[in-house]
């Protein structure tokens, strides 16, 4: 039995793991959390539990890990850090409050969740941590993403550093970096024809990503089949980040 903890309630990421794992997920929004839990149970996934938690809060993070430790008897196989926020402003317009909010949500929560989960992951003897990063941490994604990109780049570097530091504890850490992916969060953008045309024209595969394409990689990285993969940043982007100059006559 694999114990899995998803540090945010965007449920597509957990689905491939549910058949073979006990899953505990969390969300700030109780209604959304309960909706996801009910959907999973209707599909026959009964080993799924959840908590209302804002991982930006130090106290709530600590309470969450205490609950996870109790549920999973002090052991944890998988931690998925799937938390993120973005404020789209030019760099010159970012306030100290904006900066602090994005840093605490995207980076501080990830770092401290790893610290808190470390004893449980170490005890399991085969721990895995996945960071949900972004191609914005690998290449520039344009105006309005300066702080967001900085946090995601830091997450990618954190995966490398912790992978080396915690290898002795039999914990693997990898960072998954999607490009634009079809989720409820980006629905408003999907209707912007000029934006969609621009991003698709830069993507060799000629389309945006689907949630299942992200969750499939997350699930694979947590399997024994991926036991020699650690410290990597893997882009799921249809070729966007490797695309230089193309000319079609």
Protein backbone atom coordinates (compact mmCIF):
# COMPACT_ATOMS: atom_id res chain seq x y z
CA UNK A 1 0.00 0.00 0.00
CA UNK A 2 1.38 3.39 -0.98
CA UNK A 3 0.50 6.43 1.06
CA UNK A 4 0.12 9.58 -0.97
CA UNK A 5 -0.40 13.16 0.10
CA UNK A 6 -1.36 15.82 -2.41
CA UNK A 7 -0.80 19.29 -0.97
CA UNK A 8 -3.61 20.87 -2.95
CA UNK A 9 -6.93 19.73 -4.33
CA UNK A 10 -6.50 19.88 -8.13
CA UNK A 11 -7.66 16.32 -8.39
CA UNK A 12 -6.50 15.33 -11.88
CA UNK A 13 -2.99 14.92 -10.52
CA UNK A 14 -3.96 12.28 -8.00
CA UNK A 15 -6.21 10.08 -10.12
CA UNK A 16 -3.59 7.70 -11.57
CA UNK A 17 -2.36 6.94 -8.03
CA UNK A 18 -5.73 6.30 -6.45
CA UNK A 19 -6.17 2.69 -7.52
CA UNK A 20 -3.02 1.62 -5.68
CA UNK A 21 -2.66 4.20 -2.93
CA UNK A 22 -4.22 5.71 0.13
CA UNK A 23 -4.54 9.39 -0.76
CA UNK A 24 -4.95 12.44 1.47
CA UNK A 25 -5.54 15.73 -0.30
CA UNK A 26 -6.26 19.26 0.87
CA UNK A 27 -7.80 22.51 -0.27
CA UNK A 28 -8.58 25.92 1.19
CA UNK A 29 -12.14 25.54 -0.11
CA UNK A 30 -14.21 22.99 1.81
CA UNK A 31 -16.97 22.82 -0.81
CA UNK A 32 -14.51 22.06 -3.62
CA UNK A 33 -12.70 19.53 -1.45
CA UNK A 34 -15.90 17.66 -0.60
CA UNK A 35 -16.99 17.71 -4.25
CA UNK A 36 -13.74 16.04 -5.31
CA UNK A 37 -13.89 13.48 -2.50
CA UNK A 38 -17.48 12.61 -3.45
CA UNK A 39 -16.58 12.27 -7.13
CA UNK A 40 -13.74 9.91 -6.27
CA UNK A 41 -15.92 7.79 -3.99
CA UNK A 42 -18.59 7.50 -6.71
CA UNK A 43 -15.87 6.12 -8.98
CA UNK A 44 -15.04 3.50 -6.35
CA UNK A 45 -11.95 5.17 -4.88
CA UNK A 46 -12.64 4.77 -1.16
CA UNK A 47 -9.10 5.17 0.19
CA UNK A 48 -9.18 8.93 -0.28
CA UNK A 49 -9.43 11.45 2.55
CA UNK A 50 -9.02 15.20 2.72
CA UNK A 51 -8.48 18.22 4.93
CA UNK A 52 -9.34 21.89 4.68
CA UNK A 53 -5.97 23.61 4.84
CA UNK A 54 -4.21 26.71 3.56
CA UNK A 55 -0.58 25.63 3.24
CA UNK A 56 0.52 29.28 3.36
CA UNK A 57 -0.31 29.11 7.08
CA UNK A 58 2.51 27.70 9.24
CA UNK A 59 0.08 26.41 11.86
CA UNK A 60 -2.20 24.77 9.28
CA UNK A 61 0.77 23.11 7.55
CA UNK A 62 1.92 21.61 10.83
CA UNK A 63 -1.58 20.41 11.70
CA UNK A 64 -1.93 18.86 8.24
CA UNK A 65 1.28 16.86 8.53
CA UNK A 66 0.27 15.71 12.02
CA UNK A 67 -2.99 14.41 10.57
CA UNK A 68 -1.20 12.73 7.66
CA UNK A 69 1.25 11.09 10.07
CA UNK A 70 -1.64 9.77 12.14
CA UNK A 71 -3.55 8.48 9.11
CA UNK A 72 -0.54 6.77 7.56
CA UNK A 73 1.07 5.53 10.80
CA UNK A 74 4.12 7.77 10.60
CA UNK A 75 5.06 6.80 7.03
CA UNK A 76 4.61 8.59 3.72
CA UNK A 77 5.64 7.36 0.27
CA UNK A 78 4.67 10.35 -1.87
CA UNK A 79 4.36 14.11 -1.34
CA UNK A 80 3.00 16.14 -4.25
CA UNK A 81 3.43 19.89 -3.85
CA UNK A 82 0.69 21.18 -6.12
CA UNK A 83 0.15 24.71 -4.89
CA UNK A 84 0.49 27.86 -6.93
CA UNK A 85 -0.62 31.45 -7.38
CA UNK A 86 0.07 34.16 -9.92
CA UNK A 87 -0.49 37.91 -10.03
CA UNK A 88 -0.03 39.15 -13.57
CA UNK A 89 1.58 42.58 -13.30
CA UNK A 90 4.57 44.27 -14.93
CA UNK A 91 7.63 44.01 -12.69
CA UNK A 92 7.63 47.76 -12.02
CA UNK A 93 4.09 47.57 -10.60
CA UNK A 94 4.61 44.69 -8.17
CA UNK A 95 4.03 45.73 -4.56
CA UNK A 96 5.80 44.31 -1.52
CA UNK A 97 2.51 42.60 -0.62
CA UNK A 98 2.22 41.03 -4.09
CA UNK A 99 5.79 39.76 -3.87
CA UNK A 100 5.32 38.34 -0.38
CA UNK A 101 2.07 36.58 -1.34
CA UNK A 102 3.53 34.83 -4.39
CA UNK A 103 6.74 33.86 -2.60
CA UNK A 104 4.93 32.45 0.43
CA UNK A 105 2.35 30.59 -1.64
CA UNK A 106 4.60 29.11 -4.31
CA UNK A 107 7.99 28.69 -2.64
CA UNK A 108 7.81 28.90 1.14
CA UNK A 109 4.91 26.44 1.35
CA UNK A 110 6.77 23.97 -0.88
CA UNK A 111 10.00 24.22 1.10
CA UNK A 112 8.38 23.88 4.50
CA UNK A 113 6.09 21.03 3.44
CA UNK A 114 9.22 19.13 2.40
CA UNK A 115 10.81 19.83 5.78
CA UNK A 116 7.72 18.68 7.67
CA UNK A 117 7.22 15.56 5.54
CA UNK A 118 10.89 14.50 5.58
CA UNK A 119 10.70 12.25 8.67
CA UNK A 120 7.66 10.42 7.27
CA UNK A 121 9.23 10.01 3.83
CA UNK A 122 12.49 8.77 5.36
CA UNK A 123 10.67 6.24 7.53
CA UNK A 124 8.94 4.79 4.46
CA UNK A 125 12.31 3.77 3.00
CA UNK A 126 11.18 4.80 -0.48
CA UNK A 127 10.05 8.41 -0.47
CA UNK A 128 9.07 10.55 -3.43
CA UNK A 129 8.49 14.29 -3.70
CA UNK A 130 7.03 15.92 -6.80
CA UNK A 131 7.00 19.68 -7.34
CA UNK A 132 4.40 21.09 -9.73
CA UNK A 133 6.50 23.80 -11.30
CA UNK A 134 6.07 25.53 -14.67
CA UNK A 135 7.87 26.21 -17.91
CA UNK A 136 7.89 29.76 -16.53
CA UNK A 137 10.70 28.59 -14.26
CA UNK A 138 12.74 27.43 -17.26
CA UNK A 139 12.16 30.15 -19.87
CA UNK A 140 10.56 33.60 -19.87
CA UNK A 141 6.81 33.52 -20.36
CA UNK A 142 6.48 37.25 -20.92
CA UNK A 143 5.41 40.34 -19.05
CA UNK A 144 3.65 39.80 -15.76
CA UNK A 145 5.42 36.59 -14.78
CA UNK A 146 8.61 37.90 -13.14
CA UNK A 147 7.93 36.81 -9.55
CA UNK A 148 5.97 33.72 -10.57
CA UNK A 149 8.85 32.62 -12.80
CA UNK A 150 11.36 33.28 -10.03
CA UNK A 151 9.45 31.02 -7.62
CA UNK A 152 9.18 28.24 -10.17
CA UNK A 153 12.86 28.50 -11.07
CA UNK A 154 13.66 28.27 -7.36
CA UNK A 155 11.48 25.16 -7.06
CA UNK A 156 13.41 23.50 -9.88
CA UNK A 157 16.71 24.26 -8.14
CA UNK A 158 15.30 23.07 -4.82
CA UNK A 159 14.45 19.73 -6.41
CA UNK A 160 18.07 19.35 -7.53
CA UNK A 161 19.51 20.30 -4.14
CA UNK A 162 17.17 18.18 -2.03
CA UNK A 163 17.56 15.23 -4.40
CA UNK A 164 21.28 15.19 -3.59
CA UNK A 165 20.92 16.02 0.11
CA UNK A 166 18.19 13.45 0.80
CA UNK A 167 19.36 10.64 -1.49
CA UNK A 168 20.94 9.02 1.58
CA UNK A 169 17.45 8.91 3.09
CA UNK A 170 16.12 7.08 0.02
CA UNK A 171 13.97 10.05 -1.00
CA UNK A 172 13.71 11.05 -4.67
CA UNK A 173 12.66 14.57 -5.68
CA UNK A 174 11.66 15.70 -9.17
CA UNK A 175 10.08 18.82 -10.62
CA UNK A 176 7.36 18.65 -13.27
CA UNK A 177 7.03 21.81 -15.38
CA UNK A 178 3.89 22.04 -17.52
CA UNK A 179 3.17 24.69 -20.11
CA UNK A 180 -0.40 25.96 -20.55
CA UNK A 181 -2.70 23.09 -19.57
CA UNK A 182 -6.48 22.88 -19.94
CA UNK A 183 -7.73 23.30 -16.37
CA UNK A 184 -10.54 25.41 -14.85
CA UNK A 185 -7.89 27.89 -13.71
CA UNK A 186 -7.01 28.84 -17.30
CA UNK A 187 -10.50 28.69 -18.83
CA UNK A 188 -10.67 32.51 -19.22
CA UNK A 189 -7.41 32.47 -21.21
CA UNK A 190 -8.66 29.78 -23.59
CA UNK A 191 -11.16 32.25 -25.02
CA UNK A 192 -8.46 34.79 -25.91
CA UNK A 193 -7.88 33.99 -29.58
CA UNK A 194 -4.77 36.15 -30.01
CA UNK A 195 -3.10 34.68 -26.93
CA UNK A 196 -3.96 31.11 -27.91
CA UNK A 197 -2.72 31.66 -31.45
CA UNK A 198 0.57 33.05 -30.12
CA UNK A 199 1.26 30.20 -27.71
CA UNK A 200 0.20 27.46 -30.11
CA UNK A 201 2.38 28.95 -32.87
CA UNK A 202 5.38 28.58 -30.52
CA UNK A 203 4.48 24.99 -29.60
CA UNK A 204 5.76 22.38 -32.08
CA UNK A 205 2.95 19.93 -31.25
CA UNK A 206 0.47 22.71 -32.05
CA UNK A 207 -1.84 22.52 -29.04
CA UNK A 208 -2.01 23.08 -25.28
CA UNK A 209 -1.64 20.30 -22.72
CA UNK A 210 -4.32 18.18 -21.08
CA UNK A 211 -4.44 17.47 -17.31
CA UNK A 212 -4.07 13.72 -17.90
CA UNK A 213 -0.75 14.34 -19.64
CA UNK A 214 0.58 15.96 -16.48
CA UNK A 215 -0.89 13.42 -14.07
CA UNK A 216 0.53 10.51 -16.09
CA UNK A 217 4.07 11.82 -15.64
CA UNK A 218 3.53 12.56 -11.95
CA UNK A 219 2.28 9.01 -11.40
CA UNK A 220 5.17 7.47 -13.36
CA UNK A 221 7.80 9.40 -11.40
CA UNK A 222 6.42 7.92 -8.17
CA UNK A 223 6.57 4.31 -9.41
CA UNK A 224 9.45 1.84 -8.90
CA UNK A 225 9.97 2.03 -12.68
CA UNK A 226 11.35 5.56 -12.13
CA UNK A 227 13.60 4.56 -9.23
CA UNK A 228 16.78 5.95 -10.88
CA UNK A 229 15.29 9.35 -11.75
CA UNK A 230 15.89 12.14 -9.26
CA UNK A 231 16.70 15.85 -9.23
CA UNK A 232 15.20 16.40 -12.67
CA UNK A 233 13.03 19.15 -14.12
CA UNK A 234 10.83 17.63 -16.81
CA UNK A 235 8.85 19.96 -19.05
CA UNK A 236 5.44 18.87 -20.33
CA UNK A 237 5.08 21.50 -22.99
CA UNK A 238 4.67 20.08 -26.49
CA UNK A 239 8.22 21.22 -27.28
CA UNK A 240 7.71 24.88 -26.31
CA UNK A 241 10.89 25.26 -24.25
CA UNK A 242 13.16 23.66 -26.88
CA UNK A 243 11.74 25.60 -29.81
CA UNK A 244 14.15 28.11 -31.27
CA UNK A 245 13.67 29.59 -34.72
CA UNK A 246 11.43 27.90 -37.27
CA UNK A 247 10.69 29.06 -40.79
CA UNK A 248 8.16 27.43 -43.05
CA UNK A 249 8.25 28.57 -46.64
